[in-house]
Amino acid sequence: MLPSKLYEALPYVYIGTGVAVLLNYGNWLAVVCALLLTLAGAVIWILRSDNRRSDVKGARYKYGGKLPFWYYEMLPFLCVMSALFVFSVSKNMYFYPFAMMLLGVGNHLWLLRGSYRKHQRPQQKLQPLKYHQR
């Protein structure tokens, strides 16, 4: 079994390695490998965060939106990877503002998803009943 620190960092290592390969190599084979590596890191991150959620499972679906689960969860990664793909492949500078907006939206969604997963269910403290004599 992997050490805990390495195990926890593994999705981020996959995503970071995929991003580094995508930005440094213009070869199509390298781009496809980078996208697959980043996709693997994203799937691992999604599965772990979904498994560690502390809310009640029925409440998730009661207030859920119209988007399917995997599309909703992959949306931040799709935005970031699309932006980085435009940066690495496109030579037209008019695409760069669009890529910056995609990058900002993707990072914002990823940070929000990370903060949503850190909530805790409130713990109710049981207090003993007090008996009053009259």
N, C-alpha and C. Protein backbone atom coordinates (compact mmCIF):
# COMPACT_ATOMS: atom_id res chain seq x y z
N MET A 1 0.84 -1.18 0.00
CA MET A 1 0.00 0.00 0.00
C MET A 1 0.88 1.24 0.00
N LEU A 2 0.40 2.28 -0.62
CA LEU A 2 1.15 3.53 -0.72
C LEU A 2 1.10 4.29 0.60
N PRO A 3 2.16 5.05 0.90
CA PRO A 3 2.08 5.92 2.08
C PRO A 3 0.95 6.94 1.92
N SER A 4 0.41 7.37 3.03
CA SER A 4 -0.76 8.24 3.01
C SER A 4 -0.52 9.55 2.27
N LYS A 5 0.63 10.16 2.48
CA LYS A 5 0.90 11.45 1.83
C LYS A 5 1.01 11.30 0.32
N LEU A 6 1.60 10.23 -0.15
CA LEU A 6 1.69 9.99 -1.58
C LEU A 6 0.32 9.64 -2.15
N TYR A 7 -0.43 8.84 -1.42
CA TYR A 7 -1.77 8.46 -1.87
C TYR A 7 -2.68 9.67 -2.03
N GLU A 8 -2.62 10.60 -1.08
CA GLU A 8 -3.47 11.79 -1.13
C GLU A 8 -3.05 12.74 -2.25
N ALA A 9 -1.76 12.78 -2.57
CA ALA A 9 -1.26 13.71 -3.58
C ALA A 9 -1.35 13.15 -5.00
N LEU A 10 -1.67 11.89 -5.14
CA LEU A 10 -1.63 11.25 -6.46
C LEU A 10 -2.52 11.90 -7.52
N PRO A 11 -3.78 12.26 -7.24
CA PRO A 11 -4.57 12.92 -8.30
C PRO A 11 -3.96 14.25 -8.74
N TYR A 12 -3.42 14.99 -7.78
CA TYR A 12 -2.81 16.28 -8.12
C TYR A 12 -1.53 16.08 -8.94
N VAL A 13 -0.80 15.01 -8.66
CA VAL A 13 0.40 14.70 -9.44
C VAL A 13 0.00 14.35 -10.88
N TYR A 14 -1.05 13.56 -11.03
CA TYR A 14 -1.53 13.22 -12.38
C TYR A 14 -1.95 14.47 -13.14
N ILE A 15 -2.73 15.31 -12.49
CA ILE A 15 -3.22 16.53 -13.15
C ILE A 15 -2.06 17.46 -13.47
N GLY A 16 -1.15 17.66 -12.52
CA GLY A 16 -0.01 18.54 -12.75
C GLY A 16 0.91 18.04 -13.85
N THR A 17 1.15 16.75 -13.88
CA THR A 17 1.98 16.17 -14.93
C THR A 17 1.31 16.31 -16.30
N GLY A 18 0.02 16.07 -16.35
CA GLY A 18 -0.70 16.23 -17.61
C GLY A 18 -0.68 17.66 -18.10
N VAL A 19 -0.84 18.62 -17.20
CA VAL A 19 -0.80 20.03 -17.58
C VAL A 19 0.59 20.42 -18.05
N ALA A 20 1.63 19.95 -17.36
CA ALA A 20 3.00 20.27 -17.76
C ALA A 20 3.33 19.70 -19.14
N VAL A 21 2.91 18.47 -19.39
CA VAL A 21 3.16 17.88 -20.71
C VAL A 21 2.37 18.63 -21.78
N LEU A 22 1.14 19.00 -21.48
CA LEU A 22 0.31 19.71 -22.44
C LEU A 22 0.91 21.06 -22.82
N LEU A 23 1.45 21.76 -21.84
CA LEU A 23 2.00 23.10 -22.11
C LEU A 23 3.39 23.06 -22.72
N ASN A 24 4.14 22.00 -22.53
CA ASN A 24 5.53 21.97 -22.99
C ASN A 24 5.74 21.27 -24.32
N TYR A 25 4.85 20.39 -24.71
CA TYR A 25 5.05 19.63 -25.94
C TYR A 25 3.89 19.90 -26.89
N GLY A 26 4.21 20.19 -28.14
CA GLY A 26 3.18 20.48 -29.13
C GLY A 26 2.80 19.28 -29.98
N ASN A 27 3.46 18.16 -29.76
CA ASN A 27 3.18 16.94 -30.51
C ASN A 27 1.78 16.43 -30.16
N TRP A 28 1.03 15.97 -31.17
CA TRP A 28 -0.33 15.52 -30.92
C TRP A 28 -0.40 14.29 -30.03
N LEU A 29 0.58 13.42 -30.14
CA LEU A 29 0.61 12.24 -29.27
C LEU A 29 0.81 12.67 -27.81
N ALA A 30 1.68 13.64 -27.59
CA ALA A 30 1.90 14.15 -26.24
C ALA A 30 0.65 14.85 -25.71
N VAL A 31 -0.05 15.57 -26.58
CA VAL A 31 -1.28 16.26 -26.16
C VAL A 31 -2.35 15.24 -25.75
N VAL A 32 -2.50 14.19 -26.53
CA VAL A 32 -3.49 13.16 -26.20
C VAL A 32 -3.12 12.46 -24.90
N CYS A 33 -1.84 12.13 -24.72
CA CYS A 33 -1.39 11.50 -23.47
C CYS A 33 -1.61 12.43 -22.28
N ALA A 34 -1.34 13.72 -22.47
CA ALA A 34 -1.54 14.68 -21.39
C ALA A 34 -3.01 14.79 -21.02
N LEU A 35 -3.89 14.81 -22.01
CA LEU A 35 -5.32 14.88 -21.73
C LEU A 35 -5.81 13.63 -21.01
N LEU A 36 -5.31 12.46 -21.41
CA LEU A 36 -5.70 11.21 -20.74
C LEU A 36 -5.18 11.15 -19.30
N LEU A 37 -3.95 11.63 -19.09
CA LEU A 37 -3.38 11.63 -17.75
C LEU A 37 -4.15 12.59 -16.83
N THR A 38 -4.51 13.75 -17.37
CA THR A 38 -5.29 14.70 -16.59
C THR A 38 -6.69 14.16 -16.32
N LEU A 39 -7.27 13.49 -17.29
CA LEU A 39 -8.58 12.88 -17.10
C LEU A 39 -8.53 11.82 -16.00
N ALA A 40 -7.47 11.03 -15.96
CA ALA A 40 -7.33 10.02 -14.90
C ALA A 40 -7.23 10.68 -13.54
N GLY A 41 -6.46 11.76 -13.43
CA GLY A 41 -6.36 12.48 -12.16
C GLY A 41 -7.69 13.08 -11.75
N ALA A 42 -8.45 13.61 -12.72
CA ALA A 42 -9.75 14.20 -12.42
C ALA A 42 -10.73 13.14 -11.93
N VAL A 43 -10.74 11.99 -12.58
CA VAL A 43 -11.65 10.91 -12.17
C VAL A 43 -11.31 10.43 -10.76
N ILE A 44 -10.04 10.28 -10.46
CA ILE A 44 -9.63 9.87 -9.11
C ILE A 44 -10.07 10.91 -8.09
N TRP A 45 -9.86 12.19 -8.40
CA TRP A 45 -10.24 13.26 -7.48
C TRP A 45 -11.75 13.25 -7.24
N ILE A 46 -12.53 13.07 -8.30
CA ILE A 46 -13.99 13.06 -8.19
C ILE A 46 -14.46 11.87 -7.36
N LEU A 47 -13.92 10.69 -7.62
CA LEU A 47 -14.34 9.50 -6.87
C LEU A 47 -14.00 9.62 -5.40
N ARG A 48 -12.83 10.15 -5.10
CA ARG A 48 -12.45 10.32 -3.69
C ARG A 48 -13.31 11.36 -3.01
N SER A 49 -13.54 12.48 -3.66
CA SER A 49 -14.33 13.52 -3.01
C SER A 49 -15.78 13.09 -2.84
N ASP A 50 -16.32 12.34 -3.79
CA ASP A 50 -17.68 11.86 -3.65
C ASP A 50 -17.78 10.83 -2.53
N ASN A 51 -16.76 10.02 -2.37
CA ASN A 51 -16.76 9.02 -1.31
C ASN A 51 -16.63 9.66 0.07
N ARG A 52 -15.97 10.80 0.15
CA ARG A 52 -15.72 11.44 1.44
C ARG A 52 -16.76 12.47 1.82
N ARG A 53 -17.78 12.61 1.03
CA ARG A 53 -18.81 13.60 1.36
C ARG A 53 -19.49 13.21 2.65
N SER A 54 -19.82 14.22 3.44
CA SER A 54 -20.41 13.94 4.75
C SER A 54 -21.90 14.23 4.80
N ASP A 55 -22.47 14.72 3.71
CA ASP A 55 -23.90 15.01 3.74
C ASP A 55 -24.70 13.72 3.52
N VAL A 56 -25.96 13.82 3.75
CA VAL A 56 -26.84 12.67 3.59
C VAL A 56 -27.04 12.42 2.09
N LYS A 57 -26.91 11.17 1.68
CA LYS A 57 -26.95 10.86 0.24
C LYS A 57 -28.29 11.23 -0.39
N GLY A 58 -29.38 11.06 0.30
CA GLY A 58 -30.69 11.41 -0.27
C GLY A 58 -30.86 12.90 -0.47
N ALA A 59 -30.22 13.70 0.38
CA ALA A 59 -30.34 15.16 0.26
C ALA A 59 -29.62 15.67 -0.98
N ARG A 60 -28.57 15.00 -1.40
CA ARG A 60 -27.85 15.41 -2.61
C ARG A 60 -28.76 15.42 -3.82
N TYR A 61 -29.54 14.36 -3.95
CA TYR A 61 -30.37 14.20 -5.13
C TYR A 61 -31.67 15.00 -5.02
N LYS A 62 -32.10 15.29 -3.80
CA LYS A 62 -33.31 16.07 -3.60
C LYS A 62 -33.13 17.48 -4.12
N TYR A 63 -31.96 18.07 -3.87
CA TYR A 63 -31.71 19.44 -4.29
C TYR A 63 -30.78 19.50 -5.50
N GLY A 64 -30.59 18.39 -6.16
CA GLY A 64 -29.68 18.35 -7.30
C GLY A 64 -30.21 19.12 -8.50
N GLY A 65 -29.31 19.47 -9.38
CA GLY A 65 -29.68 20.21 -10.57
C GLY A 65 -30.07 19.28 -11.70
N LYS A 66 -30.11 19.84 -12.89
CA LYS A 66 -30.52 19.09 -14.06
C LYS A 66 -29.36 18.38 -14.75
N LEU A 67 -28.12 18.73 -14.39
CA LEU A 67 -26.96 18.15 -15.06
C LEU A 67 -26.69 16.73 -14.55
N PRO A 68 -26.28 15.83 -15.42
CA PRO A 68 -25.89 14.49 -14.97
C PRO A 68 -24.66 14.57 -14.06
N PHE A 69 -24.49 13.57 -13.22
CA PHE A 69 -23.44 13.58 -12.20
C PHE A 69 -22.06 13.79 -12.81
N TRP A 70 -21.71 12.97 -13.81
CA TRP A 70 -20.35 13.04 -14.34
C TRP A 70 -20.10 14.33 -15.10
N TYR A 71 -21.09 14.87 -15.78
CA TYR A 71 -20.90 16.14 -16.47
C TYR A 71 -20.69 17.26 -15.46
N TYR A 72 -21.50 17.25 -14.41
CA TYR A 72 -21.38 18.27 -13.36
C TYR A 72 -20.01 18.20 -12.69
N GLU A 73 -19.54 17.02 -12.38
CA GLU A 73 -18.27 16.87 -11.68
C GLU A 73 -17.07 17.14 -12.58
N MET A 74 -17.19 16.84 -13.86
CA MET A 74 -16.06 17.05 -14.78
C MET A 74 -16.00 18.46 -15.34
N LEU A 75 -17.01 19.28 -15.10
CA LEU A 75 -17.07 20.61 -15.70
C LEU A 75 -15.86 21.49 -15.37
N PRO A 76 -15.38 21.56 -14.12
CA PRO A 76 -14.19 22.39 -13.87
C PRO A 76 -12.96 21.88 -14.63
N PHE A 77 -12.80 20.58 -14.68
CA PHE A 77 -11.65 20.01 -15.37
C PHE A 77 -11.75 20.23 -16.88
N LEU A 78 -12.96 20.13 -17.41
CA LEU A 78 -13.15 20.38 -18.84
C LEU A 78 -12.83 21.82 -19.20
N CYS A 79 -13.24 22.76 -18.35
CA CYS A 79 -12.95 24.18 -18.61
C CYS A 79 -11.44 24.43 -18.58
N VAL A 80 -10.77 23.94 -17.55
CA VAL A 80 -9.32 24.17 -17.43
C VAL A 80 -8.57 23.51 -18.57
N MET A 81 -8.91 22.27 -18.88
CA MET A 81 -8.19 21.58 -19.95
C MET A 81 -8.48 22.18 -21.32
N SER A 82 -9.69 22.65 -21.53
CA SER A 82 -9.99 23.33 -22.80
C SER A 82 -9.17 24.61 -22.93
N ALA A 83 -9.07 25.36 -21.84
CA ALA A 83 -8.28 26.60 -21.88
C ALA A 83 -6.81 26.30 -22.13
N LEU A 84 -6.27 25.31 -21.46
CA LEU A 84 -4.86 24.97 -21.66
C LEU A 84 -4.62 24.40 -23.05
N PHE A 85 -5.60 23.68 -23.57
CA PHE A 85 -5.49 23.17 -24.93
C PHE A 85 -5.44 24.32 -25.94
N VAL A 86 -6.28 25.32 -25.74
CA VAL A 86 -6.27 26.49 -26.62
C VAL A 86 -4.94 27.22 -26.52
N PHE A 87 -4.42 27.37 -25.30
CA PHE A 87 -3.12 28.03 -25.12
C PHE A 87 -2.00 27.27 -25.82
N SER A 88 -2.03 25.95 -25.74
CA SER A 88 -0.91 25.18 -26.27
C SER A 88 -0.99 24.96 -27.79
N VAL A 89 -2.18 24.88 -28.34
CA VAL A 89 -2.32 24.54 -29.75
C VAL A 89 -2.52 25.77 -30.64
N SER A 90 -3.29 26.73 -30.16
CA SER A 90 -3.65 27.87 -31.00
C SER A 90 -2.51 28.87 -31.10
N LYS A 91 -2.32 29.38 -32.28
CA LYS A 91 -1.34 30.45 -32.50
C LYS A 91 -2.04 31.79 -32.70
N ASN A 92 -3.37 31.79 -32.69
CA ASN A 92 -4.14 33.01 -32.88
C ASN A 92 -4.34 33.69 -31.53
N MET A 93 -3.89 34.93 -31.40
CA MET A 93 -3.95 35.62 -30.11
C MET A 93 -5.38 36.02 -29.74
N TYR A 94 -6.31 35.99 -30.67
CA TYR A 94 -7.69 36.36 -30.36
C TYR A 94 -8.42 35.27 -29.58
N PHE A 95 -7.87 34.08 -29.55
CA PHE A 95 -8.45 33.01 -28.75
C PHE A 95 -8.01 33.08 -27.29
N TYR A 96 -6.95 33.81 -27.00
CA TYR A 96 -6.40 33.83 -25.64
C TYR A 96 -7.34 34.45 -24.60
N PRO A 97 -8.08 35.53 -24.88
CA PRO A 97 -9.02 36.02 -23.86
C PRO A 97 -10.10 34.99 -23.52
N PHE A 98 -10.58 34.28 -24.53
CA PHE A 98 -11.56 33.22 -24.29
C PHE A 98 -10.95 32.12 -23.42
N ALA A 99 -9.70 31.77 -23.70
CA ALA A 99 -9.02 30.75 -22.91
C ALA A 99 -8.81 31.22 -21.47
N MET A 100 -8.51 32.51 -21.29
CA MET A 100 -8.35 33.04 -19.93
C MET A 100 -9.67 32.98 -19.15
N MET A 101 -10.77 33.29 -19.83
CA MET A 101 -12.07 33.19 -19.16
C MET A 101 -12.38 31.74 -18.79
N LEU A 102 -12.12 30.82 -19.69
CA LEU A 102 -12.34 29.41 -19.39
C LEU A 102 -11.47 28.95 -18.22
N LEU A 103 -10.23 29.41 -18.20
CA LEU A 103 -9.32 29.04 -17.11
C LEU A 103 -9.82 29.59 -15.78
N GLY A 104 -10.28 30.83 -15.79
CA GLY A 104 -10.82 31.43 -14.56
C GLY A 104 -12.06 30.72 -14.06
N VAL A 105 -12.98 30.41 -14.97
CA VAL A 105 -14.21 29.71 -14.58
C VAL A 105 -13.89 28.31 -14.06
N GLY A 106 -13.00 27.61 -14.74
CA GLY A 106 -12.64 26.26 -14.30
C GLY A 106 -11.98 26.25 -12.93
N ASN A 107 -11.04 27.17 -12.70
CA ASN A 107 -10.39 27.25 -11.39
C ASN A 107 -11.39 27.63 -10.30
N HIS A 108 -12.29 28.56 -10.62
CA HIS A 108 -13.30 28.97 -9.65
C HIS A 108 -14.21 27.79 -9.27
N LEU A 109 -14.67 27.05 -10.27
CA LEU A 109 -15.52 25.89 -9.99
C LEU A 109 -14.79 24.82 -9.19
N TRP A 110 -13.52 24.60 -9.52
CA TRP A 110 -12.75 23.58 -8.80
C TRP A 110 -12.55 23.98 -7.34
N LEU A 111 -12.25 25.25 -7.09
CA LEU A 111 -12.10 25.71 -5.71
C LEU A 111 -13.42 25.63 -4.96
N LEU A 112 -14.52 25.96 -5.62
CA LEU A 112 -15.83 25.84 -4.97
C LEU A 112 -16.15 24.39 -4.64
N ARG A 113 -15.89 23.48 -5.56
CA ARG A 113 -16.16 22.06 -5.30
C ARG A 113 -15.32 21.56 -4.14
N GLY A 114 -14.07 21.99 -4.08
CA GLY A 114 -13.21 21.59 -2.97
C GLY A 114 -13.72 22.11 -1.64
N SER A 115 -14.22 23.35 -1.63
CA SER A 115 -14.72 23.91 -0.37
C SER A 115 -16.05 23.28 0.02
N TYR A 116 -16.87 22.88 -0.95
CA TYR A 116 -18.14 22.23 -0.64
C TYR A 116 -17.92 20.86 0.00
N ARG A 117 -16.82 20.22 -0.32
CA ARG A 117 -16.57 18.88 0.19
C ARG A 117 -16.03 18.88 1.62
N LYS A 118 -15.72 20.05 2.16
CA LYS A 118 -15.13 20.10 3.49
C LYS A 118 -16.15 20.38 4.58
N HIS A 119 -17.41 20.42 4.23
CA HIS A 119 -18.40 20.70 5.26
C HIS A 119 -18.60 19.47 6.14
N GLN A 120 -19.10 19.68 7.31
CA GLN A 120 -19.37 18.60 8.25
C GLN A 120 -20.83 18.67 8.65
N ARG A 121 -21.40 17.53 8.86
CA ARG A 121 -22.75 17.50 9.38
C ARG A 121 -22.75 17.98 10.81
N PRO A 122 -23.72 18.78 11.19
CA PRO A 122 -23.73 19.25 12.58
C PRO A 122 -23.93 18.09 13.55
N GLN A 123 -23.18 18.13 14.62
CA GLN A 123 -23.29 17.12 15.66
C GLN A 123 -24.25 17.63 16.73
N GLN A 124 -25.27 16.85 17.00
CA GLN A 124 -26.21 17.26 18.03
C GLN A 124 -25.73 16.71 19.36
N LYS A 125 -25.64 17.61 20.30
CA LYS A 125 -25.22 17.21 21.63
C LYS A 125 -26.46 16.86 22.44
N LEU A 126 -26.42 15.69 22.99
CA LEU A 126 -27.54 15.26 23.82
C LEU A 126 -27.34 15.81 25.23
N GLN A 127 -28.34 16.50 25.69
CA GLN A 127 -28.28 17.03 27.04
C GLN A 127 -29.27 16.24 27.90
N PRO A 128 -28.82 15.87 29.06
CA PRO A 128 -29.73 15.10 29.92
C PRO A 128 -30.92 15.96 30.35
N LEU A 129 -32.05 15.30 30.50
CA LEU A 129 -33.23 16.01 30.96
C LEU A 129 -33.07 16.37 32.43
N LYS A 130 -33.48 17.57 32.74
CA LYS A 130 -33.37 18.02 34.13
C LYS A 130 -34.73 17.81 34.80
N TYR A 131 -34.65 17.21 35.93
CA TYR A 131 -35.86 16.95 36.69
C TYR A 131 -36.01 18.05 37.73
N HIS A 132 -37.12 18.76 37.65
CA HIS A 132 -37.38 19.84 38.61
C HIS A 132 -38.39 19.35 39.63
N GLN A 133 -38.04 19.47 40.87
CA GLN A 133 -38.96 19.10 41.94
C GLN A 133 -39.70 20.34 42.39
N ARG A 134 -40.99 20.21 42.57
CA ARG A 134 -41.80 21.35 43.04
C ARG A 134 -42.51 21.00 44.28
